[in-house]
Amino acid sequence: MDVKFNFPFKFDDRTVYVRPVEFSDLPEDLREQLQGDEHIYAIHSENGERLALAKDRDIAFALARTNEFEPVSVH
């Protein structure tokens, strides 16, 4: 049976992008808080908005999944 159903909500893309960020590319106030870590990982939406920062890749992926996003690596 092929019946069309109008969902009461819109399906949004739940993909986020995880990429390494050079320590030197961060604003000074963030660099002071991170105490010299060379790389951290940023989680971005599809339009490039930075949603979060994480200390390592595994934490970035876990953070995304905890918030019901599907993380993808970007190099």
N, C-alpha and C. Protein backbone atom coordinates (compact mmCIF):
# COMPACT_ATOMS: atom_id res chain seq x y z
N MET A 1 0.84 -1.17 0.00
CA MET A 1 0.00 0.00 0.00
C MET A 1 0.89 1.25 0.00
N ASP A 2 0.64 2.17 -0.89
CA ASP A 2 1.44 3.37 -1.02
C ASP A 2 0.59 4.57 -0.60
N VAL A 3 0.78 5.00 0.65
CA VAL A 3 -0.02 6.11 1.18
C VAL A 3 0.91 7.24 1.57
N LYS A 4 0.61 8.43 1.12
CA LYS A 4 1.40 9.60 1.48
C LYS A 4 1.04 10.03 2.89
N PHE A 5 2.07 10.40 3.68
CA PHE A 5 1.83 10.87 5.04
C PHE A 5 2.54 12.19 5.22
N ASN A 6 1.86 13.19 5.68
CA ASN A 6 2.46 14.49 5.96
C ASN A 6 2.88 14.53 7.42
N PHE A 7 4.18 14.43 7.64
CA PHE A 7 4.70 14.47 9.01
C PHE A 7 4.45 15.85 9.60
N PRO A 8 4.14 15.92 10.90
CA PRO A 8 3.89 17.22 11.54
C PRO A 8 5.17 18.00 11.82
N PHE A 9 6.32 17.43 11.49
CA PHE A 9 7.59 18.12 11.70
C PHE A 9 8.46 17.96 10.47
N LYS A 10 9.45 18.79 10.37
CA LYS A 10 10.35 18.78 9.23
C LYS A 10 11.60 17.98 9.56
N PHE A 11 12.05 17.14 8.64
CA PHE A 11 13.30 16.41 8.83
C PHE A 11 14.45 17.34 8.48
N ASP A 12 15.29 17.63 9.43
CA ASP A 12 16.47 18.47 9.20
C ASP A 12 17.68 17.58 9.01
N ASP A 13 18.65 18.08 8.28
CA ASP A 13 19.90 17.35 8.13
C ASP A 13 20.62 17.34 9.46
N ARG A 14 20.94 16.18 9.97
CA ARG A 14 21.58 16.05 11.27
C ARG A 14 23.07 15.75 11.14
N THR A 15 23.65 16.05 9.98
CA THR A 15 25.07 15.82 9.76
C THR A 15 25.86 17.02 10.27
N VAL A 16 26.93 16.74 11.00
CA VAL A 16 27.88 17.78 11.40
C VAL A 16 29.27 17.34 10.95
N TYR A 17 30.15 18.31 10.85
CA TYR A 17 31.48 18.07 10.32
C TYR A 17 32.53 18.33 11.39
N VAL A 18 33.42 17.38 11.57
CA VAL A 18 34.47 17.46 12.59
C VAL A 18 35.80 17.64 11.87
N ARG A 19 36.53 18.67 12.29
CA ARG A 19 37.84 18.91 11.68
C ARG A 19 38.82 19.43 12.71
N PRO A 20 40.11 19.13 12.50
CA PRO A 20 41.12 19.65 13.42
C PRO A 20 41.28 21.16 13.23
N VAL A 21 41.60 21.84 14.32
CA VAL A 21 41.84 23.27 14.29
C VAL A 21 43.22 23.51 14.89
N GLU A 22 44.04 24.26 14.19
CA GLU A 22 45.36 24.61 14.71
C GLU A 22 45.21 25.52 15.93
N PHE A 23 45.99 25.26 16.94
CA PHE A 23 45.96 26.06 18.16
C PHE A 23 46.18 27.54 17.84
N SER A 24 47.09 27.81 16.93
CA SER A 24 47.42 29.21 16.60
C SER A 24 46.30 29.93 15.86
N ASP A 25 45.33 29.20 15.32
CA ASP A 25 44.20 29.82 14.61
C ASP A 25 43.06 30.23 15.54
N LEU A 26 43.16 29.89 16.80
CA LEU A 26 42.10 30.22 17.76
C LEU A 26 42.29 31.62 18.33
N PRO A 27 41.20 32.24 18.76
CA PRO A 27 41.32 33.55 19.42
C PRO A 27 42.16 33.43 20.70
N GLU A 28 42.80 34.51 21.07
CA GLU A 28 43.71 34.50 22.21
C GLU A 28 43.05 34.02 23.50
N ASP A 29 41.81 34.45 23.77
CA ASP A 29 41.15 34.03 25.01
C ASP A 29 40.97 32.52 25.07
N LEU A 30 40.71 31.87 23.95
CA LEU A 30 40.60 30.41 23.93
C LEU A 30 41.95 29.74 24.10
N ARG A 31 42.99 30.30 23.47
CA ARG A 31 44.34 29.73 23.61
C ARG A 31 44.77 29.73 25.07
N GLU A 32 44.43 30.79 25.81
CA GLU A 32 44.79 30.86 27.24
C GLU A 32 44.11 29.76 28.03
N GLN A 33 42.87 29.44 27.69
CA GLN A 33 42.13 28.40 28.40
C GLN A 33 42.62 27.00 28.08
N LEU A 34 43.18 26.81 26.88
CA LEU A 34 43.58 25.47 26.44
C LEU A 34 44.99 25.09 26.85
N GLN A 35 45.77 26.01 27.34
CA GLN A 35 47.09 25.75 27.89
C GLN A 35 48.04 25.06 26.91
N GLY A 36 48.08 25.54 25.67
CA GLY A 36 49.10 25.09 24.74
C GLY A 36 48.83 23.83 23.96
N ASP A 37 47.64 23.28 23.98
CA ASP A 37 47.36 22.12 23.14
C ASP A 37 47.56 22.50 21.68
N GLU A 38 48.20 21.62 20.92
CA GLU A 38 48.51 21.93 19.53
C GLU A 38 47.29 21.85 18.63
N HIS A 39 46.44 20.87 18.82
CA HIS A 39 45.24 20.71 18.00
C HIS A 39 44.02 20.52 18.90
N ILE A 40 42.94 21.06 18.47
CA ILE A 40 41.66 20.70 19.04
C ILE A 40 40.74 20.43 17.84
N TYR A 41 39.55 19.97 18.10
CA TYR A 41 38.63 19.63 17.03
C TYR A 41 37.39 20.48 17.12
N ALA A 42 36.96 20.98 15.96
CA ALA A 42 35.76 21.80 15.88
C ALA A 42 34.65 20.99 15.25
N ILE A 43 33.44 21.22 15.74
CA ILE A 43 32.24 20.62 15.17
C ILE A 43 31.49 21.74 14.47
N HIS A 44 31.23 21.55 13.17
CA HIS A 44 30.58 22.58 12.37
C HIS A 44 29.26 22.07 11.79
N SER A 45 28.31 22.99 11.62
CA SER A 45 27.07 22.67 10.92
C SER A 45 27.35 22.65 9.42
N GLU A 46 26.35 22.28 8.65
CA GLU A 46 26.54 22.21 7.19
C GLU A 46 26.82 23.57 6.56
N ASN A 47 26.40 24.65 7.22
CA ASN A 47 26.65 25.98 6.67
C ASN A 47 27.96 26.58 7.20
N GLY A 48 28.75 25.79 7.94
CA GLY A 48 30.07 26.23 8.39
C GLY A 48 30.10 26.86 9.77
N GLU A 49 28.95 27.00 10.41
CA GLU A 49 28.91 27.59 11.74
C GLU A 49 29.58 26.65 12.74
N ARG A 50 30.51 27.19 13.53
CA ARG A 50 31.17 26.39 14.56
C ARG A 50 30.21 26.20 15.72
N LEU A 51 29.90 24.94 16.00
CA LEU A 51 28.95 24.61 17.06
C LEU A 51 29.63 24.31 18.38
N ALA A 52 30.81 23.71 18.31
CA ALA A 52 31.50 23.32 19.55
C ALA A 52 32.96 23.05 19.25
N LEU A 53 33.75 23.04 20.32
CA LEU A 53 35.15 22.64 20.27
C LEU A 53 35.34 21.47 21.22
N ALA A 54 36.22 20.55 20.85
CA ALA A 54 36.50 19.39 21.70
C ALA A 54 38.01 19.15 21.74
N LYS A 55 38.47 18.59 22.84
CA LYS A 55 39.91 18.39 23.05
C LYS A 55 40.49 17.35 22.10
N ASP A 56 39.72 16.34 21.71
CA ASP A 56 40.22 15.36 20.75
C ASP A 56 39.09 14.87 19.85
N ARG A 57 39.47 14.12 18.83
CA ARG A 57 38.51 13.68 17.82
C ARG A 57 37.43 12.77 18.41
N ASP A 58 37.83 11.84 19.27
CA ASP A 58 36.86 10.92 19.87
C ASP A 58 35.81 11.67 20.68
N ILE A 59 36.25 12.66 21.42
CA ILE A 59 35.30 13.46 22.22
C ILE A 59 34.38 14.25 21.29
N ALA A 60 34.90 14.78 20.21
CA ALA A 60 34.07 15.53 19.25
C ALA A 60 32.98 14.63 18.67
N PHE A 61 33.36 13.41 18.28
CA PHE A 61 32.37 12.48 17.73
C PHE A 61 31.33 12.08 18.78
N ALA A 62 31.79 11.81 20.00
CA ALA A 62 30.87 11.44 21.08
C ALA A 62 29.92 12.60 21.39
N LEU A 63 30.44 13.81 21.43
CA LEU A 63 29.62 14.98 21.69
C LEU A 63 28.54 15.14 20.62
N ALA A 64 28.92 14.98 19.37
CA ALA A 64 27.95 15.08 18.27
C ALA A 64 26.87 14.01 18.40
N ARG A 65 27.28 12.78 18.63
CA ARG A 65 26.30 11.68 18.72
C ARG A 65 25.40 11.82 19.94
N THR A 66 25.94 12.32 21.04
CA THR A 66 25.13 12.54 22.24
C THR A 66 24.01 13.54 21.97
N ASN A 67 24.27 14.47 21.05
CA ASN A 67 23.28 15.48 20.69
C ASN A 67 22.51 15.12 19.43
N GLU A 68 22.51 13.82 19.11
CA GLU A 68 21.74 13.26 18.00
C GLU A 68 22.13 13.79 16.63
N PHE A 69 23.44 14.06 16.46
CA PHE A 69 23.98 14.44 15.17
C PHE A 69 24.80 13.27 14.63
N GLU A 70 25.01 13.24 13.33
CA GLU A 70 25.85 12.24 12.69
C GLU A 70 27.15 12.92 12.26
N PRO A 71 28.25 12.67 12.98
CA PRO A 71 29.52 13.33 12.66
C PRO A 71 30.23 12.72 11.46
N VAL A 72 30.88 13.59 10.71
CA VAL A 72 31.68 13.20 9.55
C VAL A 72 33.00 13.94 9.64
N SER A 73 34.10 13.24 9.36
CA SER A 73 35.42 13.89 9.39
C SER A 73 35.62 14.74 8.15
N VAL A 74 36.27 15.87 8.35
CA VAL A 74 36.65 16.76 7.26
C VAL A 74 38.14 17.03 7.43
N HIS A 75 38.88 16.97 6.35
CA HIS A 75 40.33 17.19 6.44
C HIS A 75 40.70 18.51 5.84
